[in-house]
Amino acid sequence: VLFLQKKTGSRFLGGHLVPVGGHIEDGEHN
């Protein structure tokens, strides 16, 4: 599985191993 190892100082989930992705932006909610 491809993971993103977040930088330790990241504001959101710093230091965590996360799947690729993120927040849905305006215009993408549907």
ModelCIF file with pLDDT and N, C-alpha, C, O atoms, coordinates in Angstrom:
data_MODEL
#
_entry.id   MODEL 
#
_entity.id                         1 
_entity.type                       polymer 
_entity.pdbx_number_of_molecules   1 
#
_entity_poly.entity_id                      1 
_entity_poly.type                           'polypeptide(L)' 
_entity_poly.nstd_linkage                   no 
_entity_poly.nstd_monomer                   no 
_entity_poly.pdbx_seq_one_letter_code       VLFLQKKTGSRFLGGHLVPVGGHIEDGEHN 
_entity_poly.pdbx_seq_one_letter_code_can   VLFLQKKTGSRFLGGHLVPVGGHIEDGEHN 
_entity_poly.pdbx_strand_id                 A 
#
loop_
_entity_poly_seq.entity_id 
_entity_poly_seq.num 
_entity_poly_seq.mon_id 
_entity_poly_seq.hetero 
1 1  VAL n 
1 2  LEU n 
1 3  PHE n 
1 4  LEU n 
1 5  GLN n 
1 6  LYS n 
1 7  LYS n 
1 8  THR n 
1 9  GLY n 
1 10 SER n 
1 11 ARG n 
1 12 PHE n 
1 13 LEU n 
1 14 GLY n 
1 15 GLY n 
1 16 HIS n 
1 17 LEU n 
1 18 VAL n 
1 19 PRO n 
1 20 VAL n 
1 21 GLY n 
1 22 GLY n 
1 23 HIS n 
1 24 ILE n 
1 25 GLU n 
1 26 ASP n 
1 27 GLY n 
1 28 GLU n 
1 29 HIS n 
1 30 ASN n 
#
_struct_asym.id          A 
_struct_asym.entity_id   1 
#
loop_
_ma_qa_metric.id 
_ma_qa_metric.mode 
_ma_qa_metric.name 
_ma_qa_metric.software_group_id 
_ma_qa_metric.type 
1 global pLDDT . pLDDT 
2 local  pLDDT . pLDDT 
#
_ma_qa_metric_global.metric_id      1 
_ma_qa_metric_global.metric_value   85.03 
_ma_qa_metric_global.model_id       1 
_ma_qa_metric_global.ordinal_id     1 
#
loop_
_ma_qa_metric_local.label_asym_id 
_ma_qa_metric_local.label_comp_id 
_ma_qa_metric_local.label_seq_id 
_ma_qa_metric_local.metric_id 
_ma_qa_metric_local.metric_value 
_ma_qa_metric_local.model_id 
_ma_qa_metric_local.ordinal_id 
A VAL 1  2 96.00 1 1  
A LEU 2  2 96.00 1 2  
A PHE 3  2 94.00 1 3  
A LEU 4  2 93.00 1 4  
A GLN 5  2 90.00 1 5  
A LYS 6  2 82.00 1 6  
A LYS 7  2 76.00 1 7  
A THR 8  2 73.00 1 8  
A GLY 9  2 68.00 1 9  
A SER 10 2 66.00 1 10 
A ARG 11 2 70.00 1 11 
A PHE 12 2 70.00 1 12 
A LEU 13 2 64.00 1 13 
A GLY 14 2 62.00 1 14 
A GLY 15 2 66.00 1 15 
A HIS 16 2 82.00 1 16 
A LEU 17 2 92.00 1 17 
A VAL 18 2 92.00 1 18 
A PRO 19 2 95.00 1 19 
A VAL 20 2 95.00 1 20 
A GLY 21 2 95.00 1 21 
A GLY 22 2 92.00 1 22 
A HIS 23 2 94.00 1 23 
A ILE 24 2 96.00 1 24 
A GLU 25 2 95.00 1 25 
A ASP 26 2 92.00 1 26 
A GLY 27 2 92.00 1 27 
A GLU 28 2 91.00 1 28 
A HIS 29 2 89.00 1 29 
A ASN 30 2 93.00 1 30 
#
loop_
_atom_site.group_PDB 
_atom_site.id 
_atom_site.type_symbol 
_atom_site.label_atom_id 
_atom_site.label_alt_id 
_atom_site.label_comp_id 
_atom_site.label_asym_id 
_atom_site.label_entity_id 
_atom_site.label_seq_id 
_atom_site.pdbx_PDB_ins_code 
_atom_site.Cartn_x 
_atom_site.Cartn_y 
_atom_site.Cartn_z 
_atom_site.occupancy 
_atom_site.B_iso_or_equiv 
_atom_site.pdbx_formal_charge 
_atom_site.auth_seq_id 
_atom_site.auth_comp_id 
_atom_site.auth_asym_id 
_atom_site.auth_atom_id 
_atom_site.pdbx_PDB_model_num 
ATOM 1   N N  . VAL A 1 1  ? 0.851   -1.188 0.000  1.00 96.00 ? 1  VAL A N  1 
ATOM 2   C CA . VAL A 1 1  ? 0.000   0.000  0.000  1.00 96.00 ? 1  VAL A CA 1 
ATOM 3   C C  . VAL A 1 1  ? 0.887   1.238  0.000  1.00 96.00 ? 1  VAL A C  1 
ATOM 4   O O  . VAL A 1 1  ? 1.897   1.299  0.701  1.00 96.00 ? 1  VAL A O  1 
ATOM 5   N N  . LEU A 1 2  ? 0.488   2.228  -0.804 1.00 96.00 ? 2  LEU A N  1 
ATOM 6   C CA . LEU A 1 2  ? 1.219   3.491  -0.845 1.00 96.00 ? 2  LEU A CA 1 
ATOM 7   C C  . LEU A 1 2  ? 0.721   4.393  0.278  1.00 96.00 ? 2  LEU A C  1 
ATOM 8   O O  . LEU A 1 2  ? -0.467  4.708  0.346  1.00 96.00 ? 2  LEU A O  1 
ATOM 9   N N  . PHE A 1 3  ? 1.624   4.806  1.151  1.00 94.00 ? 3  PHE A N  1 
ATOM 10  C CA . PHE A 1 3  ? 1.303   5.695  2.258  1.00 94.00 ? 3  PHE A CA 1 
ATOM 11  C C  . PHE A 1 3  ? 2.107   6.985  2.141  1.00 94.00 ? 3  PHE A C  1 
ATOM 12  O O  . PHE A 1 3  ? 3.156   7.038  1.499  1.00 94.00 ? 3  PHE A O  1 
ATOM 13  N N  . LEU A 1 4  ? 1.584   8.006  2.776  1.00 93.00 ? 4  LEU A N  1 
ATOM 14  C CA . LEU A 1 4  ? 2.293   9.258  2.942  1.00 93.00 ? 4  LEU A CA 1 
ATOM 15  C C  . LEU A 1 4  ? 2.720   9.346  4.403  1.00 93.00 ? 4  LEU A C  1 
ATOM 16  O O  . LEU A 1 4  ? 1.878   9.347  5.301  1.00 93.00 ? 4  LEU A O  1 
ATOM 17  N N  . GLN A 1 5  ? 4.027   9.419  4.641  1.00 90.00 ? 5  GLN A N  1 
ATOM 18  C CA . GLN A 1 5  ? 4.549   9.633  5.993  1.00 90.00 ? 5  GLN A CA 1 
ATOM 19  C C  . GLN A 1 5  ? 4.597   11.142 6.191  1.00 90.00 ? 5  GLN A C  1 
ATOM 20  O O  . GLN A 1 5  ? 5.485   11.821 5.675  1.00 90.00 ? 5  GLN A O  1 
ATOM 21  N N  . LYS A 1 6  ? 3.622   11.661 6.954  1.00 82.00 ? 6  LYS A N  1 
ATOM 22  C CA . LYS A 1 6  ? 3.517   13.110 7.148  1.00 82.00 ? 6  LYS A CA 1 
ATOM 23  C C  . LYS A 1 6  ? 4.736   13.633 7.911  1.00 82.00 ? 6  LYS A C  1 
ATOM 24  O O  . LYS A 1 6  ? 5.269   12.959 8.792  1.00 82.00 ? 6  LYS A O  1 
ATOM 25  N N  . LYS A 1 7  ? 5.162   14.842 7.558  1.00 76.00 ? 7  LYS A N  1 
ATOM 26  C CA . LYS A 1 7  ? 6.266   15.477 8.274  1.00 76.00 ? 7  LYS A CA 1 
ATOM 27  C C  . LYS A 1 7  ? 5.880   15.649 9.738  1.00 76.00 ? 7  LYS A C  1 
ATOM 28  O O  . LYS A 1 7  ? 4.720   15.912 10.055 1.00 76.00 ? 7  LYS A O  1 
ATOM 29  N N  . THR A 1 8  ? 6.840   15.502 10.613 1.00 73.00 ? 8  THR A N  1 
ATOM 30  C CA . THR A 1 8  ? 6.596   15.575 12.047 1.00 73.00 ? 8  THR A CA 1 
ATOM 31  C C  . THR A 1 8  ? 5.922   16.875 12.454 1.00 73.00 ? 8  THR A C  1 
ATOM 32  O O  . THR A 1 8  ? 5.048   16.868 13.321 1.00 73.00 ? 8  THR A O  1 
ATOM 33  N N  . GLY A 1 9  ? 6.302   17.968 11.859 1.00 68.00 ? 9  GLY A N  1 
ATOM 34  C CA . GLY A 1 9  ? 5.748   19.270 12.225 1.00 68.00 ? 9  GLY A CA 1 
ATOM 35  C C  . GLY A 1 9  ? 4.444   19.631 11.534 1.00 68.00 ? 9  GLY A C  1 
ATOM 36  O O  . GLY A 1 9  ? 3.947   20.744 11.707 1.00 68.00 ? 9  GLY A O  1 
ATOM 37  N N  . SER A 1 10 ? 3.879   18.716 10.757 1.00 66.00 ? 10 SER A N  1 
ATOM 38  C CA . SER A 1 10 ? 2.635   19.019 10.039 1.00 66.00 ? 10 SER A CA 1 
ATOM 39  C C  . SER A 1 10 ? 1.517   19.365 11.015 1.00 66.00 ? 10 SER A C  1 
ATOM 40  O O  . SER A 1 10 ? 1.414   18.786 12.097 1.00 66.00 ? 10 SER A O  1 
ATOM 41  N N  . ARG A 1 11 ? 0.692   20.311 10.614 1.00 70.00 ? 11 ARG A N  1 
ATOM 42  C CA . ARG A 1 11 ? -0.420  20.772 11.458 1.00 70.00 ? 11 ARG A CA 1 
ATOM 43  C C  . ARG A 1 11 ? -1.465  19.678 11.647 1.00 70.00 ? 11 ARG A C  1 
ATOM 44  O O  . ARG A 1 11 ? -2.030  19.554 12.734 1.00 70.00 ? 11 ARG A O  1 
ATOM 45  N N  . PHE A 1 12 ? -1.734  18.881 10.612 1.00 70.00 ? 12 PHE A N  1 
ATOM 46  C CA . PHE A 1 12 ? -2.747  17.834 10.658 1.00 70.00 ? 12 PHE A CA 1 
ATOM 47  C C  . PHE A 1 12 ? -2.065  16.471 10.601 1.00 70.00 ? 12 PHE A C  1 
ATOM 48  O O  . PHE A 1 12 ? -1.445  16.130 9.593  1.00 70.00 ? 12 PHE A O  1 
ATOM 49  N N  . LEU A 1 13 ? -2.172  15.693 11.670 1.00 64.00 ? 13 LEU A N  1 
ATOM 50  C CA . LEU A 1 13 ? -1.623  14.340 11.770 1.00 64.00 ? 13 LEU A CA 1 
ATOM 51  C C  . LEU A 1 13 ? -0.110  14.287 11.544 1.00 64.00 ? 13 LEU A C  1 
ATOM 52  O O  . LEU A 1 13 ? 0.393   13.374 10.890 1.00 64.00 ? 13 LEU A O  1 
ATOM 53  N N  . GLY A 1 14 ? 0.598   15.256 12.083 1.00 62.00 ? 14 GLY A N  1 
ATOM 54  C CA . GLY A 1 14 ? 2.054   15.282 11.974 1.00 62.00 ? 14 GLY A CA 1 
ATOM 55  C C  . GLY A 1 14 ? 2.680   13.982 12.453 1.00 62.00 ? 14 GLY A C  1 
ATOM 56  O O  . GLY A 1 14 ? 2.344   13.480 13.526 1.00 62.00 ? 14 GLY A O  1 
ATOM 57  N N  . GLY A 1 15 ? 3.597   13.435 11.647 1.00 66.00 ? 15 GLY A N  1 
ATOM 58  C CA . GLY A 1 15 ? 4.290   12.200 11.993 1.00 66.00 ? 15 GLY A CA 1 
ATOM 59  C C  . GLY A 1 15 ? 3.518   10.930 11.685 1.00 66.00 ? 15 GLY A C  1 
ATOM 60  O O  . GLY A 1 15 ? 4.067   9.835  11.809 1.00 66.00 ? 15 GLY A O  1 
ATOM 61  N N  . HIS A 1 16 ? 2.269   11.047 11.291 1.00 82.00 ? 16 HIS A N  1 
ATOM 62  C CA . HIS A 1 16 ? 1.444   9.867  11.022 1.00 82.00 ? 16 HIS A CA 1 
ATOM 63  C C  . HIS A 1 16 ? 1.671   9.331  9.608  1.00 82.00 ? 16 HIS A C  1 
ATOM 64  O O  . HIS A 1 16 ? 2.061   10.054 8.691  1.00 82.00 ? 16 HIS A O  1 
ATOM 65  N N  . LEU A 1 17 ? 1.412   8.045  9.480  1.00 92.00 ? 17 LEU A N  1 
ATOM 66  C CA . LEU A 1 17 ? 1.361   7.364  8.203  1.00 92.00 ? 17 LEU A CA 1 
ATOM 67  C C  . LEU A 1 17 ? -0.098  7.402  7.761  1.00 92.00 ? 17 LEU A C  1 
ATOM 68  O O  . LEU A 1 17 ? -0.968  6.896  8.470  1.00 92.00 ? 17 LEU A O  1 
ATOM 69  N N  . VAL A 1 18 ? -0.379  7.991  6.604  1.00 92.00 ? 18 VAL A N  1 
ATOM 70  C CA . VAL A 1 18 ? -1.763  8.176  6.159  1.00 92.00 ? 18 VAL A CA 1 
ATOM 71  C C  . VAL A 1 18 ? -1.912  7.714  4.712  1.00 92.00 ? 18 VAL A C  1 
ATOM 72  O O  . VAL A 1 18 ? -0.937  7.703  3.960  1.00 92.00 ? 18 VAL A O  1 
ATOM 73  N N  . PRO A 1 19 ? -3.134  7.329  4.317  1.00 95.00 ? 19 PRO A N  1 
ATOM 74  C CA . PRO A 1 19 ? -3.359  7.082  2.893  1.00 95.00 ? 19 PRO A CA 1 
ATOM 75  C C  . PRO A 1 19 ? -3.280  8.404  2.137  1.00 95.00 ? 19 PRO A C  1 
ATOM 76  O O  . PRO A 1 19 ? -3.399  9.474  2.734  1.00 95.00 ? 19 PRO A O  1 
ATOM 77  N N  . VAL A 1 20 ? -3.086  8.328  0.861  1.00 95.00 ? 20 VAL A N  1 
ATOM 78  C CA . VAL A 1 20 ? -3.030  9.517  0.022  1.00 95.00 ? 20 VAL A CA 1 
ATOM 79  C C  . VAL A 1 20 ? -4.427  10.142 -0.010 1.00 95.00 ? 20 VAL A C  1 
ATOM 80  O O  . VAL A 1 20 ? -5.417  9.434  -0.196 1.00 95.00 ? 20 VAL A O  1 
ATOM 81  N N  . GLY A 1 21 ? -4.511  11.447 0.167  1.00 95.00 ? 21 GLY A N  1 
ATOM 82  C CA . GLY A 1 21 ? -5.805  12.110 0.096  1.00 95.00 ? 21 GLY A CA 1 
ATOM 83  C C  . GLY A 1 21 ? -5.861  13.320 0.993  1.00 95.00 ? 21 GLY A C  1 
ATOM 84  O O  . GLY A 1 21 ? -4.848  13.757 1.538  1.00 95.00 ? 21 GLY A O  1 
ATOM 85  N N  . GLY A 1 22 ? -7.063  13.860 1.141  1.00 92.00 ? 22 GLY A N  1 
ATOM 86  C CA . GLY A 1 22 ? -7.223  15.032 1.978  1.00 92.00 ? 22 GLY A CA 1 
ATOM 87  C C  . GLY A 1 22 ? -8.633  15.572 1.927  1.00 92.00 ? 22 GLY A C  1 
ATOM 88  O O  . GLY A 1 22 ? -9.574  14.863 1.571  1.00 92.00 ? 22 GLY A O  1 
ATOM 89  N N  . HIS A 1 23 ? -8.769  16.829 2.286  1.00 94.00 ? 23 HIS A N  1 
ATOM 90  C CA . HIS A 1 23 ? -10.075 17.464 2.393  1.00 94.00 ? 23 HIS A CA 1 
ATOM 91  C C  . HIS A 1 23 ? -10.709 17.719 1.028  1.00 94.00 ? 23 HIS A C  1 
ATOM 92  O O  . HIS A 1 23 ? -10.026 18.045 0.057  1.00 94.00 ? 23 HIS A O  1 
ATOM 93  N N  . ILE A 1 24 ? -12.004 17.566 0.980  1.00 96.00 ? 24 ILE A N  1 
ATOM 94  C CA . ILE A 1 24 ? -12.772 17.887 -0.210 1.00 96.00 ? 24 ILE A CA 1 
ATOM 95  C C  . ILE A 1 24 ? -12.935 19.395 -0.258 1.00 96.00 ? 24 ILE A C  1 
ATOM 96  O O  . ILE A 1 24 ? -13.298 20.019 0.740  1.00 96.00 ? 24 ILE A O  1 
ATOM 97  N N  . GLU A 1 25 ? -12.670 19.975 -1.406 1.00 95.00 ? 25 GLU A N  1 
ATOM 98  C CA . GLU A 1 25 ? -12.725 21.429 -1.562 1.00 95.00 ? 25 GLU A CA 1 
ATOM 99  C C  . GLU A 1 25 ? -14.054 21.865 -2.176 1.00 95.00 ? 25 GLU A C  1 
ATOM 100 O O  . GLU A 1 25 ? -14.820 21.045 -2.682 1.00 95.00 ? 25 GLU A O  1 
ATOM 101 N N  . ASP A 1 26 ? -14.309 23.167 -2.123 1.00 92.00 ? 26 ASP A N  1 
ATOM 102 C CA . ASP A 1 26 ? -15.518 23.716 -2.727 1.00 92.00 ? 26 ASP A CA 1 
ATOM 103 C C  . ASP A 1 26 ? -15.628 23.245 -4.172 1.00 92.00 ? 26 ASP A C  1 
ATOM 104 O O  . ASP A 1 26 ? -14.641 23.206 -4.907 1.00 92.00 ? 26 ASP A O  1 
ATOM 105 N N  . GLY A 1 27 ? -16.839 22.891 -4.560 1.00 92.00 ? 27 GLY A N  1 
ATOM 106 C CA . GLY A 1 27 ? -17.078 22.414 -5.907 1.00 92.00 ? 27 GLY A CA 1 
ATOM 107 C C  . GLY A 1 27 ? -16.893 20.919 -6.079 1.00 92.00 ? 27 GLY A C  1 
ATOM 108 O O  . GLY A 1 27 ? -17.215 20.379 -7.137 1.00 92.00 ? 27 GLY A O  1 
ATOM 109 N N  . GLU A 1 28 ? -16.373 20.227 -5.045 1.00 91.00 ? 28 GLU A N  1 
ATOM 110 C CA . GLU A 1 28 ? -16.127 18.784 -5.127 1.00 91.00 ? 28 GLU A CA 1 
ATOM 111 C C  . GLU A 1 28 ? -17.065 17.975 -4.223 1.00 91.00 ? 28 GLU A C  1 
ATOM 112 O O  . GLU A 1 28 ? -17.003 16.745 -4.226 1.00 91.00 ? 28 GLU A O  1 
ATOM 113 N N  . HIS A 1 29 ? -17.923 18.633 -3.459 1.00 89.00 ? 29 HIS A N  1 
ATOM 114 C CA . HIS A 1 29 ? -18.714 17.935 -2.445 1.00 89.00 ? 29 HIS A CA 1 
ATOM 115 C C  . HIS A 1 29 ? -19.652 16.875 -3.004 1.00 89.00 ? 29 HIS A C  1 
ATOM 116 O O  . HIS A 1 29 ? -19.995 15.923 -2.303 1.00 89.00 ? 29 HIS A O  1 
ATOM 117 N N  . ASN A 1 30 ? -20.066 17.026 -4.241 1.00 93.00 ? 30 ASN A N  1 
ATOM 118 C CA . ASN A 1 30 ? -20.928 16.015 -4.847 1.00 93.00 ? 30 ASN A CA 1 
ATOM 119 C C  . ASN A 1 30 ? -20.144 15.014 -5.685 1.00 93.00 ? 30 ASN A C  1 
ATOM 120 O O  . ASN A 1 30 ? -20.730 14.098 -6.262 1.00 93.00 ? 30 ASN A O  1 
#
